[in-house]
Each structure stands twice: as structure tokens, then as C-alpha cells.
Protein backbone atom coordinates (compact mmCIF):
# COMPACT_ATOMS: atom_id res chain seq x y z
CA UNK A 1 170.04 97.16 1.23
CA UNK A 2 168.17 94.31 0.08
CA UNK A 3 167.69 93.74 -3.84
CA UNK A 4 164.23 91.81 -4.32
CA UNK A 5 163.58 89.73 -7.33
CA UNK A 6 159.99 88.18 -7.88
CA UNK A 7 160.65 84.61 -8.94
CA UNK A 8 157.17 83.16 -8.90
CA UNK A 9 153.25 84.16 -8.83
CA UNK A 10 150.60 81.87 -8.11
CA UNK A 11 146.87 82.98 -8.38
CA UNK A 12 143.18 81.88 -7.97
CA UNK A 13 140.10 83.70 -7.57
CA UNK A 14 140.55 84.57 -4.06
CA UNK A 15 144.15 85.09 -3.33
CA UNK A 16 147.43 85.35 -5.23
CA UNK A 17 150.76 84.14 -4.03
CA UNK A 18 153.98 85.77 -4.83
CA UNK A 19 157.51 84.14 -4.15
CA UNK A 20 160.66 86.49 -3.86
CA UNK A 21 164.04 86.09 -3.68
CA UNK A 22 165.96 88.55 -1.28
CA UNK A 23 169.59 89.24 -1.58
CA UNK A 24 171.70 91.31 1.06
CA UNK A 25 173.96 93.81 -0.33
CA UNK A 26 175.77 95.60 2.93
CA UNK A 27 178.33 94.22 5.37
CA UNK A 28 176.08 94.10 8.65
CA UNK A 29 173.42 91.41 9.32
CA UNK A 30 169.53 92.47 8.85
CA UNK A 31 166.58 90.97 10.30
CA UNK A 32 163.67 90.86 8.52
CA UNK A 33 160.31 91.65 10.34
CA UNK A 34 157.85 90.05 8.17
CA UNK A 35 155.00 90.64 11.00
CA UNK A 36 154.91 94.34 9.89
CA UNK A 37 155.32 93.49 6.21
CA UNK A 38 152.82 95.29 4.14
CA UNK A 39 151.36 94.81 0.28
CA UNK A 40 149.48 97.80 -0.83
CA UNK A 41 147.69 100.37 1.46
CA UNK A 42 145.53 99.28 2.95
CA UNK A 43 147.56 95.99 3.60
CA UNK A 44 146.51 93.35 0.83
CA UNK A 45 148.66 90.54 2.64
CA UNK A 46 146.91 87.65 4.16
CA UNK A 47 149.97 85.60 5.35
CA UNK A 48 153.72 85.48 4.79
CA UNK A 49 156.89 83.27 5.63
CA UNK A 50 160.59 83.55 5.09
CA UNK A 51 163.25 80.66 4.80
CA UNK A 52 165.50 82.67 7.30
CA UNK A 53 164.67 85.85 9.43
CA UNK A 54 168.37 87.07 9.42
CA UNK A 55 170.32 88.01 6.38
CA UNK A 56 173.85 87.63 6.71
CA UNK A 57 176.09 90.16 5.26
CA UNK A 58 176.76 89.99 1.42
CA UNK A 59 179.28 87.52 0.22
CA UNK A 60 178.55 85.11 3.59
CA UNK A 61 176.44 82.08 3.47
CA UNK A 62 172.86 82.90 4.39
CA UNK A 63 172.95 86.24 2.52
CA UNK A 64 169.66 85.51 0.67
CA UNK A 65 166.55 83.88 1.43
CA UNK A 66 163.00 83.20 -0.08
CA UNK A 67 160.02 85.35 1.01
CA UNK A 68 156.46 83.98 0.19
CA UNK A 69 153.39 86.26 0.74
CA UNK A 70 149.59 85.30 -0.03
CA UNK A 71 147.81 88.13 -0.51
CA UNK A 72 144.21 89.29 -1.87
CA UNK A 73 144.06 89.20 -5.67
CA UNK A 74 143.87 92.92 -5.89
CA UNK A 75 147.59 93.12 -4.47
CA UNK A 76 150.29 94.30 -6.61
CA UNK A 77 154.12 93.03 -5.82
CA UNK A 78 155.78 96.79 -6.38
CA UNK A 79 153.86 97.72 -3.31
CA UNK A 80 155.50 95.75 -1.03
CA UNK A 81 157.02 97.20 1.91
CA UNK A 82 159.32 94.84 4.27
CA UNK A 83 160.87 96.64 7.38
CA UNK A 84 164.37 95.47 8.19
CA UNK A 85 166.64 96.28 10.94
CA UNK A 86 170.42 96.17 11.51
CA UNK A 87 171.48 93.27 13.79
CA UNK A 88 174.20 94.32 16.33
CA UNK A 89 176.46 91.81 17.63
CA UNK A 90 176.79 91.80 21.56
CA UNK A 91 179.94 91.02 23.19
CA UNK A 92 179.84 88.41 25.84
CA UNK A 93 181.77 89.09 29.00
């Protein structure tokens, strides 16, 4: 799984920015699919970015990253839905 901690909020009349720290808690690498990120229903996210889309297993370098989301001012951080998938290692022949 992933633990999420809200570390910053920036707001204006027209939009709000959120910074989340994401930390991986499992033994397999995960891919963060921010293109399908949702913040609320209907989706209030305008744009998002992540330092690294792949989280390494817990305890390894790269097992945490920062996610930044700019959203409409009516969005709420607890409504964040972030699709992830397990990254399978492929064997080279």
C-alpha cells in the first residue's frame, strides 16, 4: 500500500494546490498513474505532477515521492483517488 501525508496547501480565489508525500509500504514496486488521478466527484483536479511515477519497495531508495495537485477551490484532499499498479520485473533472455 501507500501512505499519504498532506504536507502543504496553497490557495487563491480560483484554485488550490496540494502537496502530498507518498511512501510505499509493500515489497513490490508500484507505478503511480497520475493521468487517472481524481480529486472528488466530479473530478476537481486541474493538473498534477509527481517527482517519480515508480515507487521502489519499502526500505529502498526511491520508496517515497511527492505528488502535487492543482485543483478547483471546492476540492477536498480526503477525496483523492490515485490509481496504482504493481510493477512486475521482466526477465531478459
